[in-house]
PDB file of N, CA and C in Angstrom:
ATOM      1  N   LEU A   1      -2.153  13.513  13.608  1.00  0.00           N
ATOM      2  CA  LEU A   1      -1.371  12.030  13.191  1.00  0.00           C
ATOM      3  C   LEU A   1      -2.395  11.687  12.266  1.00  0.00           C
ATOM      4  N   GLU A   2      -3.439  10.988  12.407  1.00  0.00           N
ATOM      5  CA  GLU A   2      -4.581  10.240  11.843  1.00  0.00           C
ATOM      6  C   GLU A   2      -4.987  10.891  10.488  1.00  0.00           C
ATOM      7  N   ILE A   3      -4.859  12.449  10.699  1.00  0.00           N
ATOM      8  CA  ILE A   3      -5.362  12.959   9.512  1.00  0.00           C
ATOM      9  C   ILE A   3      -4.154  13.063   8.327  1.00  0.00           C
ATOM     10  N   ASP A   4      -3.109  13.158   8.875  1.00  0.00           N
ATOM     11  CA  ASP A   4      -1.761  13.049   7.671  1.00  0.00           C
ATOM     12  C   ASP A   4      -1.706  11.601   7.155  1.00  0.00           C
ATOM     13  N   ILE A   5      -1.966  10.525   7.890  1.00  0.00           N
ATOM     14  CA  ILE A   5      -2.050   9.159   7.681  1.00  0.00           C
ATOM     15  C   ILE A   5      -3.023   8.884   6.400  1.00  0.00           C
ATOM     16  N   GLU A   6      -4.234   9.523   6.718  1.00  0.00           N
ATOM     17  CA  GLU A   6      -5.259   9.341   5.883  1.00  0.00           C
ATOM     18  C   GLU A   6      -4.690   9.858   4.651  1.00  0.00           C
ATOM     19  N   LYS A   7      -4.417  11.259   4.646  1.00  0.00           N
ATOM     20  CA  LYS A   7      -4.024  12.012   3.482  1.00  0.00           C
ATOM     21  C   LYS A   7      -2.879  11.078   2.609  1.00  0.00           C
ATOM     22  N   MET A   8      -2.260  10.523   3.345  1.00  0.00           N
ATOM     23  CA  MET A   8      -0.911   9.837   2.594  1.00  0.00           C
ATOM     24  C   MET A   8      -1.646   8.532   2.003  1.00  0.00           C
ATOM     25  N   ARG A   9      -2.484   7.954   2.921  1.00  0.00           N
ATOM     26  CA  ARG A   9      -3.065   6.830   2.123  1.00  0.00           C
ATOM     27  C   ARG A   9      -3.847   6.994   0.788  1.00  0.00           C
ATOM     28  N   LYS A  10      -4.526   7.996   0.974  1.00  0.00           N
ATOM     29  CA  LYS A  10      -5.083   8.771  -0.331  1.00  0.00           C
ATOM     30  C   LYS A  10      -4.221   9.233  -1.759  1.00  0.00           C
ATOM     31  N   ALA A  11      -3.034   9.570  -0.941  1.00  0.00           N
ATOM     32  CA  ALA A  11      -1.855  10.003  -2.013  1.00  0.00           C
ATOM     33  C   ALA A  11      -1.144   8.562  -2.356  1.00  0.00           C
ATOM     34  N   CYS A  12      -1.260   7.575  -2.061  1.00  0.00           N
ATOM     35  CA  CYS A  12      -0.245   6.352  -2.290  1.00  0.00           C
ATOM     36  C   CYS A  12      -1.333   5.218  -3.080  1.00  0.00           C
ATOM     37  N   THR A  13      -1.787   5.733  -4.184  1.00  0.00           N
ATOM     38  CA  THR A  13      -2.520   5.008  -5.206  1.00  0.00           C
ATOM     39  C   THR A  13      -1.747   4.231  -6.127  1.00  0.00           C
ATOM     40  N   PRO A  14      -2.341   2.892  -6.590  1.00  0.00           N
ATOM     41  CA  PRO A  14      -1.608   2.202  -7.541  1.00  0.00           C
ATOM     42  C   PRO A  14      -1.316   2.822  -8.781  1.00  0.00           C
ATOM     43  N   ASP A  15      -1.913   3.727  -9.200  1.00  0.00           N
ATOM     44  CA  ASP A  15      -1.916   4.661 -10.578  1.00  0.00           C
ATOM     45  C   ASP A  15      -0.605   5.392 -10.329  1.00  0.00           C
ATOM     46  N   LYS A  16      -0.174   5.785  -9.244  1.00  0.00           N
ATOM     47  CA  LYS A  16       1.423   6.266  -9.027  1.00  0.00           C
ATOM     48  C   LYS A  16       2.385   5.649  -9.378  1.00  0.00           C
ATOM     49  N   TYR A  17       2.257   4.155  -9.127  1.00  0.00           N
ATOM     50  CA  TYR A  17       3.220   3.330  -8.910  1.00  0.00           C
ATOM     51  C   TYR A  17       3.299   2.637 -10.230  1.00  0.00           C
ATOM     52  N   ILE A  18       2.434   2.613 -11.067  1.00  0.00           N
ATOM     53  CA  ILE A  18       2.364   1.818 -12.214  1.00  0.00           C
ATOM     54  C   ILE A  18       3.493   1.745 -13.100  1.00  0.00           C
ATOM     55  N   ASN A  19       4.264   2.977 -13.096  1.00  0.00           N
ATOM     56  CA  ASN A  19       5.459   3.078 -13.945  1.00  0.00           C
ATOM     57  C   ASN A  19       6.471   2.304 -13.643  1.00  0.00           C
ATOM     58  N   GLN A  20       6.339   2.118 -12.151  1.00  0.00           N
ATOM     59  CA  GLN A  20       7.446   1.379 -11.615  1.00  0.00           C
ATOM     60  C   GLN A  20       7.799  -0.155 -12.184  1.00  0.00           C
ATOM     61  N   VAL A  21       6.604  -0.695 -12.596  1.00  0.00           N
ATOM     62  CA  VAL A  21       6.310  -2.118 -12.828  1.00  0.00           C
ATOM     63  C   VAL A  21       6.861  -2.068 -14.344  1.00  0.00           C
ATOM     64  N   PRO A  22       7.833  -3.264 -14.545  1.00  0.00           N
ATOM     65  CA  PRO A  22       8.086  -3.000 -15.988  1.00  0.00           C
ATOM     66  C   PRO A  22       6.991  -3.821 -16.989  1.00  0.00           C
ATOM     67  N   LYS A  23       7.105  -3.358 -18.291  1.00  0.00           N
ATOM     68  CA  LYS A  23       6.148  -3.580 -19.238  1.00  0.00           C
ATOM     69  C   LYS A  23       6.254  -5.096 -19.823  1.00  0.00           C
ATOM     70  N   PHE A  24       7.391  -5.330 -19.394  1.00  0.00           N
ATOM     71  CA  PHE A  24       7.826  -6.667 -20.153  1.00  0.00           C
ATOM     72  C   PHE A  24       8.404  -7.831 -19.347  1.00  0.00           C
ATOM     73  N   ILE A  25       8.006  -9.127 -19.466  1.00  0.00           N
ATOM     74  CA  ILE A  25       8.802 -10.098 -18.796  1.00  0.00           C
ATOM     75  C   ILE A  25       9.960  -9.916 -18.719  1.00  0.00           C
ATOM     76  N   ASP A  26      10.831 -10.048 -17.529  1.00  0.00           N
ATOM     77  CA  ASP A  26      12.598  -9.704 -17.687  1.00  0.00           C
ATOM     78  C   ASP A  26      13.039 -10.732 -18.513  1.00  0.00           C
ATOM     79  N   GLY A  27      13.685 -10.416 -19.442  1.00  0.00           N
ATOM     80  CA  GLY A  27      14.600 -11.119 -20.292  1.00  0.00           C
ATOM     81  C   GLY A  27      13.879 -11.573 -21.711  1.00  0.00           C
ATOM     82  N   THR A  28      12.499 -11.080 -21.803  1.00  0.00           N
ATOM     83  CA  THR A  28      11.873 -11.552 -23.221  1.00  0.00           C
ATOM     84  C   THR A  28      11.299 -10.327 -23.677  1.00  0.00           C
ATOM     85  N   THR A  29      10.804 -10.518 -24.786  1.00  0.00           N
ATOM     86  CA  THR A  29       9.982  -9.264 -25.547  1.00  0.00           C
ATOM     87  C   THR A  29       8.372  -9.570 -25.217  1.00  0.00           C
ATOM     88  N   LYS A  30       8.293 -10.473 -24.318  1.00  0.00           N
ATOM     89  CA  LYS A  30       7.053 -10.872 -24.056  1.00  0.00           C
ATOM     90  C   LYS A  30       6.127  -9.884 -22.920  1.00  0.00           C
ATOM     91  N   LEU A  31       4.967  -9.252 -23.176  1.00  0.00           N
ATOM     92  CA  LEU A  31       4.324  -8.369 -22.499  1.00  0.00           C
ATOM     93  C   LEU A  31       3.979  -8.600 -21.290  1.00  0.00           C
ATOM     94  N   LEU A  32       3.709  -8.068 -20.043  1.00  0.00           N
ATOM     95  CA  LEU A  32       3.562  -8.568 -18.792  1.00  0.00           C
ATOM     96  C   LEU A  32       1.855  -8.410 -19.048  1.00  0.00           C
ATOM     97  N   PRO A  33       1.079  -9.195 -18.464  1.00  0.00           N
ATOM     98  CA  PRO A  33      -0.419  -8.641 -18.579  1.00  0.00           C
ATOM     99  C   PRO A  33      -0.602  -7.242 -17.876  1.00  0.00           C
ATOM    100  N   THR A  34      -1.844  -6.352 -18.093  1.00  0.00           N
ATOM    101  CA  THR A  34      -2.030  -5.386 -17.533  1.00  0.00           C
ATOM    102  C   THR A  34      -2.613  -5.968 -16.060  1.00  0.00           C
ATOM    103  N   TRP A  35      -3.506  -6.735 -15.868  1.00  0.00           N
ATOM    104  CA  TRP A  35      -4.038  -7.047 -14.396  1.00  0.00           C
ATOM    105  C   TRP A  35      -2.734  -7.477 -13.710  1.00  0.00           C
ATOM    106  N   LYS A  36      -1.292  -7.970 -14.125  1.00  0.00           N
ATOM    107  CA  LYS A  36      -0.383  -8.312 -13.474  1.00  0.00           C
ATOM    108  C   LYS A  36       0.293  -7.101 -12.917  1.00  0.00           C
ATOM    109  N   ARG A  37       0.577  -6.193 -13.970  1.00  0.00           N
ATOM    110  CA  ARG A  37       1.195  -4.892 -13.451  1.00  0.00           C
ATOM    111  C   ARG A  37       0.554  -4.305 -12.751  1.00  0.00           C
ATOM    112  N   GLN A  38      -1.053  -4.108 -12.600  1.00  0.00           N
ATOM    113  CA  GLN A  38      -1.807  -3.615 -11.708  1.00  0.00           C
ATOM    114  C   GLN A  38      -1.736  -4.028 -10.274  1.00  0.00           C
ATOM    115  N   LEU A  39      -1.670  -5.372 -10.394  1.00  0.00           N
ATOM    116  CA  LEU A  39      -1.268  -6.141  -8.996  1.00  0.00           C
ATOM    117  C   LEU A  39       0.019  -5.880  -8.164  1.00  0.00           C
ATOM    118  N   LEU A  40       0.894  -5.804  -9.182  1.00  0.00           N
ATOM    119  CA  LEU A  40       2.273  -5.386  -8.770  1.00  0.00           C
ATOM    120  C   LEU A  40       2.220  -4.208  -8.234  1.00  0.00           C
ATOM    121  N   ALA A  41       1.813  -3.010  -9.088  1.00  0.00           N
ATOM    122  CA  ALA A  41       1.643  -1.604  -8.510  1.00  0.00           C
ATOM    123  C   ALA A  41       0.971  -1.650  -7.236  1.00  0.00           C
ATOM    124  N   ARG A  42      -0.045  -2.527  -6.734  1.00  0.00           N
ATOM    125  CA  ARG A  42      -0.858  -2.232  -5.718  1.00  0.00           C
ATOM    126  C   ARG A  42       0.134  -2.608  -4.789  1.00  0.00           C
ATOM    127  N   LYS A  43       0.947  -3.797  -4.884  1.00  0.00           N
ATOM    128  CA  LYS A  43       1.696  -4.362  -3.742  1.00  0.00           C
ATOM    129  C   LYS A  43       2.657  -3.204  -3.370  1.00  0.00           C
ATOM    130  N   ILE A  44       3.364  -2.301  -4.442  1.00  0.00           N
ATOM    131  CA  ILE A  44       4.338  -1.425  -4.061  1.00  0.00           C
ATOM    132  C   ILE A  44       3.728  -0.198  -3.435  1.00  0.00           C
ATOM    133  N   ALA A  45       2.442  -0.195  -3.880  1.00  0.00           N
ATOM    134  CA  ALA A  45       1.682   1.064  -3.128  1.00  0.00           C
ATOM    135  C   ALA A  45       1.574   0.802  -1.627  1.00  0.00           C
ATOM    136  N   ASN A  46       1.133  -0.435  -1.349  1.00  0.00           N
ATOM    137  CA  ASN A  46       0.898  -0.836  -0.198  1.00  0.00           C
ATOM    138  C   ASN A  46       1.965  -0.722   0.920  1.00  0.00           C
ATOM    139  N   GLU A  47       3.270  -1.426   0.195  1.00  0.00           N
ATOM    140  CA  GLU A  47       4.537  -1.234   1.009  1.00  0.00           C
ATOM    141  C   GLU A  47       4.902   0.232   1.486  1.00  0.00           C
ATOM    142  N   ASP A  48       4.881   0.986   0.109  1.00  0.00           N
ATOM    143  CA  ASP A  48       5.161   2.215   0.364  1.00  0.00           C
ATOM    144  C   ASP A  48       4.191   2.984   1.724  1.00  0.00           C
ATOM    145  N   MET A  49       3.100   2.751   1.664  1.00  0.00           N
ATOM    146  CA  MET A  49       2.210   3.444   2.378  1.00  0.00           C
ATOM    147  C   MET A  49       2.623   2.918   3.968  1.00  0.00           C
ATOM    148  N   GLU A  50       2.601   1.512   4.135  1.00  0.00           N
ATOM    149  CA  GLU A  50       3.089   1.163   5.410  1.00  0.00           C
ATOM    150  C   GLU A  50       4.368   1.730   5.834  1.00  0.00           C
ATOM    151  N   ARG A  51       5.226   1.722   5.163  1.00  0.00           N
ATOM    152  CA  ARG A  51       6.908   2.186   5.312  1.00  0.00           C
ATOM    153  C   ARG A  51       6.556   3.867   6.011  1.00  0.00           C
ATOM    154  N   LYS A  52       5.416   4.624   4.929  1.00  0.00           N
ATOM    155  CA  LYS A  52       5.493   5.867   5.389  1.00  0.00           C
ATOM    156  C   LYS A  52       4.658   6.004   6.559  1.00  0.00           C
ATOM    157  N   GLU A  53       3.616   5.204   6.870  1.00  0.00           N
ATOM    158  CA  GLU A  53       2.866   5.399   8.014  1.00  0.00           C
ATOM    159  C   GLU A  53       3.693   5.048   9.336  1.00  0.00           C
ATOM    160  N   GLU A  54       4.697   4.109   9.111  1.00  0.00           N
ATOM    161  CA  GLU A  54       5.483   3.969  10.448  1.00  0.00           C
ATOM    162  C   GLU A  54       6.398   5.082  10.612  1.00  0.00           C
ATOM    163  N   GLU A  55       6.810   5.758   9.697  1.00  0.00           N
ATOM    164  CA  GLU A  55       7.711   6.865   9.810  1.00  0.00           C
ATOM    165  C   GLU A  55       6.774   8.192  10.477  1.00  0.00           C
ATOM    166  N   PHE A  56       5.547   8.241   9.934  1.00  0.00           N
ATOM    167  CA  PHE A  56       5.010   9.250  10.600  1.00  0.00           C
ATOM    168  C   PHE A  56       4.647   8.823  12.118  1.00  0.00           C
ATOM    169  N   ARG A  57       4.273   7.615  12.386  1.00  0.00           N
ATOM    170  CA  ARG A  57       4.323   7.259  13.960  1.00  0.00           C
ATOM    171  C   ARG A  57       5.338   7.604  14.674  1.00  0.00           C
ATOM    172  N   ARG A  58       6.433   7.120  14.144  1.00  0.00           N
ATOM    173  CA  ARG A  58       7.789   7.469  14.957  1.00  0.00           C
ATOM    174  C   ARG A  58       8.166   8.731  15.077  1.00  0.00           C
ATOM    175  N   LYS A  59       8.170   9.624  13.748  1.00  0.00           N
ATOM    176  CA  LYS A  59       8.339  11.103  14.226  1.00  0.00           C
ATOM    177  C   LYS A  59       7.236  11.674  15.317  1.00  0.00           C
ATOM    178  N   PHE A  60       5.964  11.229  15.105  1.00  0.00           N
ATOM    179  CA  PHE A  60       5.089  11.831  15.894  1.00  0.00           C
ATOM    180  C   PHE A  60       5.599  11.362  17.573  1.00  0.00           C
ATOM    181  N   HIS A  61       5.637  10.261  17.775  1.00  0.00           N
ATOM    182  CA  HIS A  61       6.331   9.925  19.146  1.00  0.00           C
ATOM    183  C   HIS A  61       7.440  10.254  19.543  1.00  0.00           C
ATOM    184  N   GLU A  62       8.355  10.827  18.758  1.00  0.00           N
ATOM    185  CA  GLU A  62       9.693  11.398  18.674  1.00  0.00           C
ATOM    186  C   GLU A  62       9.461  13.352  19.408  1.00  0.00           C
ATOM    187  N   TRP A  63       8.349  13.599  18.399  1.00  0.00           N
ATOM    188  CA  TRP A  63       7.911  15.018  19.046  1.00  0.00           C
ATOM    189  C   TRP A  63       7.308  14.945  20.219  1.00  0.00           C
ATOM    190  N   LYS A  64       6.540  13.958  20.444  1.00  0.00           N
ATOM    191  CA  LYS A  64       5.621  13.951  21.697  1.00  0.00           C
ATOM    192  C   LYS A  64       6.698  13.963  22.691  1.00  0.00           C
ATOM    193  N   ALA A  65       7.785  12.889  22.691  1.00  0.00           N
ATOM    194  CA  ALA A  65       8.402  12.717  23.919  1.00  0.00           C
ATOM    195  C   ALA A  65       9.143  14.131  24.322  1.00  0.00           C
ATOM    196  N   GLN A  66       9.495  14.920  23.264  1.00  0.00           N
ATOM    197  CA  GLN A  66      10.202  16.145  23.669  1.00  0.00           C
ATOM    198  C   GLN A  66       9.557  17.032  24.684  1.00  0.00           C
ATOM    199  N   PHE A  67       8.311  16.878  24.675  1.00  0.00           N
ATOM    200  CA  PHE A  67       7.472  17.424  25.553  1.00  0.00           C
ATOM    201  C   PHE A  67       7.198  17.060  26.711  1.00  0.00           C
ATOM    202  N   ASN A  68       7.322  15.933  26.852  1.00  0.00           N
ATOM    203  CA  ASN A  68       7.313  15.096  28.183  1.00  0.00           C
ATOM    204  C   ASN A  68       8.651  14.431  28.670  1.00  0.00           C
ATOM    205  N   PRO A  69       9.381  15.267  29.049  1.00  0.00           N
ATOM    206  CA  PRO A  69      10.724  14.499  29.431  1.00  0.00           C
ATOM    207  C   PRO A  69      10.458  13.632  30.762  1.00  0.00           C
ATOM    208  N   MET A  70       9.596  13.942  31.649  1.00  0.00           N
ATOM    209  CA  MET A  70       9.337  13.254  32.751  1.00  0.00           C
ATOM    210  C   MET A  70       8.954  11.803  32.520  1.00  0.00           C
ATOM    211  N   ARG A  71       8.357  11.323  31.496  1.00  0.00           N
ATOM    212  CA  ARG A  71       7.932  10.189  30.998  1.00  0.00           C
ATOM    213  C   ARG A  71       9.124   9.379  30.855  1.00  0.00           C
ATOM    214  N   CYS A  72      10.028  10.161  29.928  1.00  0.00           N
ATOM    215  CA  CYS A  72      11.424   9.415  29.983  1.00  0.00           C
ATOM    216  C   CYS A  72      12.241   9.010  30.809  1.00  0.00           C
ATOM    217  N   LYS A  73      12.273  10.007  31.984  1.00  0.00           N
ATOM    218  CA  LYS A  73      12.944   9.661  33.411  1.00  0.00           C
ATOM    219  C   LYS A  73      12.251   8.480  33.987  1.00  0.00           C
ATOM    220  N   LEU A  74      11.114   8.490  33.916  1.00  0.00           N
ATOM    221  CA  LEU A  74      10.396   7.349  34.486  1.00  0.00           C
ATOM    222  C   LEU A  74      10.551   6.048  33.983  1.00  0.00           C
ATOM    223  N   LYS A  75      10.628   6.043  32.647  1.00  0.00           N
ATOM    224  CA  LYS A  75      11.030   4.737  32.107  1.00  0.00           C
ATOM    225  C   LYS A  75      12.470   4.189  32.176  1.00  0.00           C
ATOM    226  N   PHE A  76      13.391   5.342  32.387  1.00  0.00           N
ATOM    227  CA  PHE A  76      14.665   5.278  32.714  1.00  0.00           C
ATOM    228  C   PHE A  76      14.911   4.453  33.944  1.00  0.00           C
ATOM    229  N   ARG A  77      14.084   4.815  35.234  1.00  0.00           N
ATOM    230  CA  ARG A  77      14.147   4.544  36.526  1.00  0.00           C
ATOM    231  C   ARG A  77      13.524   3.033  36.409  1.00  0.00           C
ATOM    232  N   GLU A  78      12.387   3.055  35.772  1.00  0.00           N
ATOM    233  CA  GLU A  78      11.827   1.616  35.918  1.00  0.00           C
ATOM    234  C   GLU A  78      13.030   0.502  35.182  1.00  0.00           C
ATOM    235  N   ILE A  79      13.788   0.909  34.072  1.00  0.00           N
ATOM    236  CA  ILE A  79      14.665   0.114  33.500  1.00  0.00           C
ATOM    237  C   ILE A  79      15.803  -0.359  34.575  1.00  0.00           C
ATOM    238  N   THR A  80      16.464   0.672  35.098  1.00  0.00           N
ATOM    239  CA  THR A  80      17.628   0.608  35.705  1.00  0.00           C
ATOM    240  C   THR A  80      17.188   0.118  37.443  1.00  0.00           C
ATOM    241  N   GLY A  81      15.554   0.369  37.774  1.00  0.00           N
ATOM    242  CA  GLY A  81      15.481  -0.060  38.792  1.00  0.00           C
ATOM    243  C   GLY A  81      15.807   1.120  40.079  1.00  0.00           C
ATOM    244  N   ASN A  82      16.236   2.461  39.771  1.00  0.00           N
ATOM    245  CA  ASN A  82      16.467   3.260  40.701  1.00  0.00           C
ATOM    246  C   ASN A  82      15.203   3.668  40.949  1.00  0.00           C
ATOM    247  N   PHE A  83      14.707   3.964  41.861  1.00  0.00           N
ATOM    248  CA  PHE A  83      13.151   4.385  42.155  1.00  0.00           C
ATOM    249  C   PHE A  83      13.370   5.563  43.558  1.00  0.00           C
TER     250      PHE A  83
END
């Protein structure tokens, strides 16, 4: 899991998201400064990385739960109070 997350972090670089940031300020012909575009691309990359990391963790826990059905039964018993 941690190895997959680390690979994903290396793949989610701002350079891959720079093309999603507009070159012009909305509604004008004025160019958006390069540093601002890079900052926005970094923000998009971080948001995407967090979303993918959460998805990796959720899928891993779902996969892990299928091999340990007893734990699910124990949690059900704790919730319902049936011991």
